[in-house]
Each structure stands twice: as C-alpha cells, then as structure tokens.
Protein backbone atom coordinates (compact mmCIF):
# COMPACT_ATOMS: atom_id res chain seq x y z
CA UNK A 1 23.91 -19.84 -20.23
CA UNK A 2 25.39 -23.16 -19.11
CA UNK A 3 29.11 -23.65 -18.71
CA UNK A 4 30.80 -25.61 -21.50
CA UNK A 5 34.28 -25.72 -19.98
CA UNK A 6 35.69 -29.22 -19.80
CA UNK A 7 32.99 -30.89 -21.92
CA UNK A 8 35.16 -33.03 -24.19
CA UNK A 9 36.89 -31.73 -27.31
CA UNK A 10 34.04 -29.33 -28.04
CA UNK A 11 34.22 -27.84 -24.55
CA UNK A 12 38.01 -27.57 -24.73
CA UNK A 13 37.78 -25.56 -27.95
CA UNK A 14 35.14 -23.27 -26.45
CA UNK A 15 37.35 -22.75 -23.40
CA UNK A 16 40.53 -22.16 -25.42
CA UNK A 17 39.01 -19.60 -27.78
CA UNK A 18 36.84 -17.92 -25.15
CA UNK A 19 39.73 -17.52 -22.72
CA UNK A 20 41.96 -16.07 -25.43
CA UNK A 21 39.30 -13.55 -26.41
CA UNK A 22 38.71 -12.47 -22.81
CA UNK A 23 42.48 -12.14 -22.21
CA UNK A 24 42.73 -9.93 -25.30
CA UNK A 25 44.98 -12.34 -27.18
CA UNK A 26 42.35 -12.30 -29.92
CA UNK A 27 41.36 -8.65 -30.18
CA UNK A 28 37.92 -7.10 -30.42
CA UNK A 29 36.97 -6.74 -34.07
CA UNK A 30 39.52 -9.31 -35.24
CA UNK A 31 38.43 -11.60 -38.09
CA UNK A 32 38.87 -15.25 -37.15
CA UNK A 33 40.60 -17.59 -39.57
CA UNK A 34 38.51 -20.64 -38.71
CA UNK A 35 40.61 -23.02 -40.78
CA UNK A 36 43.89 -21.89 -39.21
CA UNK A 37 42.46 -22.00 -35.71
CA UNK A 38 41.07 -25.48 -36.35
CA UNK A 39 44.46 -26.66 -37.56
CA UNK A 40 46.17 -25.09 -34.53
CA UNK A 41 43.75 -26.80 -32.14
CA UNK A 42 43.75 -30.02 -34.23
CA UNK A 43 39.97 -30.15 -34.59
CA UNK A 44 37.62 -30.31 -37.56
CA UNK A 45 35.80 -27.38 -39.09
CA UNK A 46 32.57 -28.88 -37.76
CA UNK A 47 33.88 -28.70 -34.17
CA UNK A 48 35.11 -25.15 -34.78
CA UNK A 49 31.74 -24.02 -36.12
CA UNK A 50 29.88 -25.57 -33.19
CA UNK A 51 32.28 -23.96 -30.71
CA UNK A 52 31.82 -20.57 -32.39
CA UNK A 53 28.04 -20.95 -32.10
CA UNK A 54 28.49 -21.33 -28.34
CA UNK A 55 30.77 -18.28 -28.19
CA UNK A 56 28.25 -16.32 -30.27
CA UNK A 57 25.60 -17.21 -27.69
CA UNK A 58 27.85 -15.70 -25.04
CA UNK A 59 28.16 -12.51 -27.10
CA UNK A 60 31.87 -12.97 -27.83
CA UNK A 61 31.70 -13.63 -31.56
CA UNK A 62 29.44 -12.99 -34.52
CA UNK A 63 29.40 -13.72 -38.24
CA UNK A 64 28.44 -11.51 -41.17
CA UNK A 65 28.34 -12.10 -44.90
CA UNK A 66 31.39 -10.68 -46.67
CA UNK A 67 33.05 -10.02 -43.30
CA UNK A 68 33.28 -13.50 -41.82
CA UNK A 69 33.42 -14.49 -38.16
CA UNK A 70 34.81 -11.84 -35.85
CA UNK A 71 35.22 -10.97 -32.16
CA UNK A 72 32.55 -8.62 -30.87
CA UNK A 73 33.22 -5.55 -28.75
CA UNK A 74 33.22 -6.12 -25.00
CA UNK A 75 29.97 -4.12 -24.67
CA UNK A 76 28.19 -7.08 -26.33
CA UNK A 77 29.70 -9.82 -24.15
CA UNK A 78 27.41 -11.60 -21.71
CA UNK A 79 29.38 -10.70 -18.59
CA UNK A 80 26.95 -12.72 -16.45
CA UNK A 81 27.72 -15.97 -18.28
CA UNK A 82 29.42 -18.56 -16.06
CA UNK A 83 32.22 -19.25 -18.55
CA UNK A 84 32.89 -15.57 -19.25
CA UNK A 85 33.12 -14.98 -15.49
CA UNK A 86 35.56 -17.88 -15.14
CA UNK A 87 37.70 -16.66 -18.03
CA UNK A 88 37.84 -13.20 -16.50
CA UNK A 89 38.95 -14.70 -13.20
CA UNK A 90 41.66 -16.71 -14.97
CA UNK A 91 42.78 -13.60 -16.85
CA UNK A 92 43.40 -11.68 -13.63
CA UNK A 93 40.29 -9.51 -13.93
CA UNK A 94 38.72 -11.10 -10.85
CA UNK A 95 39.12 -8.17 -8.47
CA UNK A 96 37.21 -5.80 -10.74
CA UNK A 97 34.53 -8.40 -11.39
CA UNK A 98 34.03 -9.21 -7.71
CA UNK A 99 33.85 -5.56 -6.69
CA UNK A 100 31.19 -5.00 -9.34
CA UNK A 101 29.36 -8.04 -7.97
CA UNK A 102 29.61 -6.64 -4.43
CA UNK A 103 27.98 -3.40 -5.61
CA UNK A 104 25.12 -5.30 -7.25
CA UNK A 105 24.60 -7.46 -4.16
CA UNK A 106 24.53 -4.37 -1.92
CA UNK A 107 21.66 -3.00 -4.02
CA UNK A 108 19.61 -6.22 -4.22
CA UNK A 109 20.18 -8.43 -1.20
CA UNK A 110 19.44 -6.15 1.80
CA UNK A 111 16.09 -5.28 0.22
CA UNK A 112 15.51 -8.96 -0.53
CA UNK A 113 16.20 -9.87 3.10
CA UNK A 114 13.77 -7.15 4.24
CA UNK A 115 11.04 -8.51 1.99
CA UNK A 116 11.81 -12.14 2.85
CA UNK A 117 11.18 -11.41 6.54
CA UNK A 118 7.69 -10.24 5.60
CA UNK A 119 6.77 -12.96 3.12
CA UNK A 120 8.73 -16.13 4.00
CA UNK A 121 6.93 -19.43 4.33
CA UNK A 122 7.80 -22.51 6.37
CA UNK A 123 9.16 -24.07 3.19
CA UNK A 124 11.42 -21.04 2.66
CA UNK A 125 12.75 -21.33 6.20
CA UNK A 126 13.45 -25.02 5.67
CA UNK A 127 15.38 -24.28 2.45
CA UNK A 128 17.45 -21.57 4.17
CA UNK A 129 18.15 -23.87 7.13
CA UNK A 130 19.20 -26.73 4.86
CA UNK A 131 21.59 -24.46 2.96
CA UNK A 132 23.06 -23.17 6.21
CA UNK A 133 23.57 -26.70 7.49
CA UNK A 134 25.31 -27.66 4.24
CA UNK A 135 27.49 -24.56 4.57
CA UNK A 136 28.61 -25.65 8.01
CA UNK A 137 29.46 -29.14 6.80
CA UNK A 138 31.39 -27.97 3.73
CA UNK A 139 34.05 -25.78 5.33
CA UNK A 140 36.94 -27.96 4.12
CA UNK A 141 35.54 -28.32 0.58
CA UNK A 142 35.64 -25.05 -1.39
CA UNK A 143 33.34 -26.27 -4.18
CA UNK A 144 30.75 -27.61 -1.71
CA UNK A 145 31.00 -24.41 0.35
CA UNK A 146 30.40 -22.32 -2.78
CA UNK A 147 27.36 -24.42 -3.71
CA UNK A 148 25.92 -24.19 -0.19
CA UNK A 149 26.40 -20.42 -0.11
CA UNK A 150 24.72 -20.08 -3.50
CA UNK A 151 21.83 -22.25 -2.27
CA UNK A 152 21.33 -19.95 0.73
CA UNK A 153 21.16 -16.82 -1.38
CA UNK A 154 18.93 -18.57 -3.92
CA UNK A 155 16.54 -19.52 -1.09
CA UNK A 156 16.67 -15.96 0.22
CA UNK A 157 15.53 -14.55 -3.12
CA UNK A 158 12.79 -17.18 -3.34
CA UNK A 159 11.60 -16.24 0.15
CA UNK A 160 10.70 -12.74 -1.06
CA UNK A 161 7.66 -14.20 -2.80
CA UNK A 162 8.50 -12.05 -5.84
CA UNK A 163 9.00 -14.00 -9.07
CA UNK A 164 11.26 -11.36 -10.62
CA UNK A 165 13.47 -11.12 -7.54
CA UNK A 166 13.63 -14.91 -7.47
CA UNK A 167 15.15 -14.92 -10.93
CA UNK A 168 17.90 -12.56 -9.81
CA UNK A 169 19.79 -15.74 -8.96
CA UNK A 170 20.62 -15.90 -12.67
CA UNK A 171 22.43 -12.58 -12.29
CA UNK A 172 24.15 -13.19 -8.95
CA UNK A 173 24.91 -16.88 -8.75
CA UNK A 174 27.69 -17.42 -11.35
CA UNK A 175 29.82 -14.65 -9.88
CA UNK A 176 28.96 -15.60 -6.31
CA UNK A 177 30.12 -19.18 -6.86
CA UNK A 178 33.43 -18.05 -8.35
CA UNK A 179 33.94 -15.62 -5.49
CA UNK A 180 33.27 -18.31 -2.90
CA UNK A 181 35.53 -20.85 -4.59
CA UNK A 182 38.36 -18.31 -4.63
CA UNK A 183 37.87 -17.19 -1.02
CA UNK A 184 37.47 -20.69 0.44
CA UNK A 185 40.30 -22.22 -1.61
CA UNK A 186 42.78 -19.61 -0.34
CA UNK A 187 41.77 -20.02 3.29
CA UNK A 188 41.94 -17.32 5.92
CA UNK A 189 38.34 -16.23 5.52
CA UNK A 190 36.13 -16.13 8.59
CA UNK A 191 33.47 -18.76 9.22
CA UNK A 192 30.52 -17.72 7.01
CA UNK A 193 27.89 -19.52 9.08
CA UNK A 194 27.33 -16.93 11.87
CA UNK A 195 26.68 -14.03 9.48
CA UNK A 196 24.26 -16.13 7.44
CA UNK A 197 22.63 -17.44 10.62
CA UNK A 198 21.94 -13.84 11.71
CA UNK A 199 20.07 -13.22 8.45
CA UNK A 200 18.05 -16.42 8.80
CA UNK A 201 17.19 -15.72 12.45
CA UNK A 202 15.85 -12.27 11.56
CA UNK A 203 13.81 -13.66 8.67
CA UNK A 204 12.43 -16.40 10.91
CA UNK A 205 11.47 -13.74 13.48
CA UNK A 206 9.73 -11.74 10.73
CA UNK A 207 11.84 -8.71 11.62
CA UNK A 208 12.51 -6.92 8.30
CA UNK A 209 14.72 -4.17 9.73
CA UNK A 210 16.96 -6.65 11.52
CA UNK A 211 17.07 -8.87 8.44
CA UNK A 212 18.19 -5.98 6.26
CA UNK A 213 20.89 -4.95 8.77
CA UNK A 214 22.08 -8.54 9.10
CA UNK A 215 22.46 -8.77 5.33
CA UNK A 216 24.39 -5.49 5.25
CA UNK A 217 26.74 -6.93 7.89
CA UNK A 218 27.11 -10.13 5.88
CA UNK A 219 28.02 -8.15 2.76
CA UNK A 220 30.52 -6.04 4.70
CA UNK A 221 32.18 -9.25 5.88
CA UNK A 222 32.24 -10.58 2.31
CA UNK A 223 33.94 -7.38 1.15
CA UNK A 224 36.51 -7.68 3.95
CA UNK A 225 37.26 -11.25 2.83
CA UNK A 226 37.80 -9.92 -0.71
CA UNK A 227 40.13 -7.16 0.54
CA UNK A 228 42.15 -9.77 2.41
CA UNK A 229 42.49 -11.85 -0.75
CA UNK A 230 43.31 -9.02 -3.18
CA UNK A 231 47.11 -8.93 -2.55
CA UNK A 232 47.41 -12.67 -3.23
CA UNK A 233 45.39 -12.31 -6.45
CA UNK A 234 47.57 -9.42 -7.64
CA UNK A 235 50.75 -11.40 -6.93
CA UNK A 236 49.42 -14.43 -8.78
CA UNK A 237 48.90 -12.42 -11.97
CA UNK A 238 51.92 -10.10 -11.75
C-alpha cells in the first residue's frame, strides 16, 4: 500500500495515529474515541474517518457494530506496508525489522540471482547496468542511493523471467529502501557498487553458480553494514 506520510492534513493524521499505535502508545484492543482524537489533533470527524480507513487498510484498526473503532492485534498489521515499516523504524524497532528482512533476502535473492543468470535478456542487463550507474552517482545522496539500490534488486527479480518472483519487490522494497536510507545517511558503509557489480557480471556471463555466490557475498556485506550501525541505533533510542 502507498505511503500516506506527509500528504497534507490527512497524511499528518494518518502518520500521527499510525506512529502512536506502532509505538504502543495506543494499545492493541483499545477502543478509539474518534471525537476526542479529532479534537486533540484539531481536525474534523470527516478527516478522522478517512484517516482511520487508511489505517484499517494497513491492518492497524478495525470497526465493529456495538464495539466501535479499535486497534487490531499486531498479528493483523501489514508489516510490509511502507508506512508501518517507517513507523517501526522511528519507534526504535528497526534492528529487529532489518534482521528479519535480511533473513528473507537470504532465502530469495541468491536463488533469484541464480535464475537470472539463466534467463536474463539484453533488456534486463541494461536495467541492471542503469541501476548500478545510478548507484555510483548517488553516493552522497542517501535517498537517491536507496532508490538506485531498490532499482537494481527490482531489475534482478525481473531478470528471473518468473512473474511471481518479479512481484517479490512488493515484499522486499519498502524495507530495503528504509535500510538503505539509514545506512547511507549515517555514513561509514562500504561502497555498494563493487558487490553489486560482481552480481551483474556473473549474470551477464550466464554463470548461475557465480551469480548466487556473488549475491551471498553482497548480503553478507549488507549484514556487516547493519552490525556496524546497530550501536548508533541503540544509542539513538535509549
């Protein structure tokens, strides 16, 4: 689902309520007093209802007759939603989230690189090369670097020739972008281009074993970057 953060008054209400739910300030199961919350945030009931519809779409809230609007249990939250990921990062839950993401990537991406080496087209190679070039040009811009990295991994999944694997970008990309923004904004991370270049070179050479190993090395480097950042994240939320 698209991010609503920062989209005018409506987006601000979504962000305020969503962040408070994710932080636990509004507890799971709690009944929401829509009128009181609207007065606190100085918005109309119409804005509140529209914001709650967005939060319901993210799995955070629901409404029932005779019960009212309430916060759903965490098991129902859409943890892959871009806003929910951002709110978790802001709440200091980023380390857990990013380690979960690293596990998922370790399952999907080496196999995707293996398959991409067997099925890539010239167009796939051009997309990977373009993303890598953008990555090299964006080193001083954390948002641009995150977008370029996401574009590379999106192109990698597309290069598998498998429609279902291609759509795995919906699962990986929101978390990957937040991870990259955090790593690049704090500095100290190694240049990401060489590890991505190794994956592309193996795919270009149609060498599936080398492509898989290159991706495993890339993911190991990404985990090392996360380990380097963890102390700073813990201090920021202590």
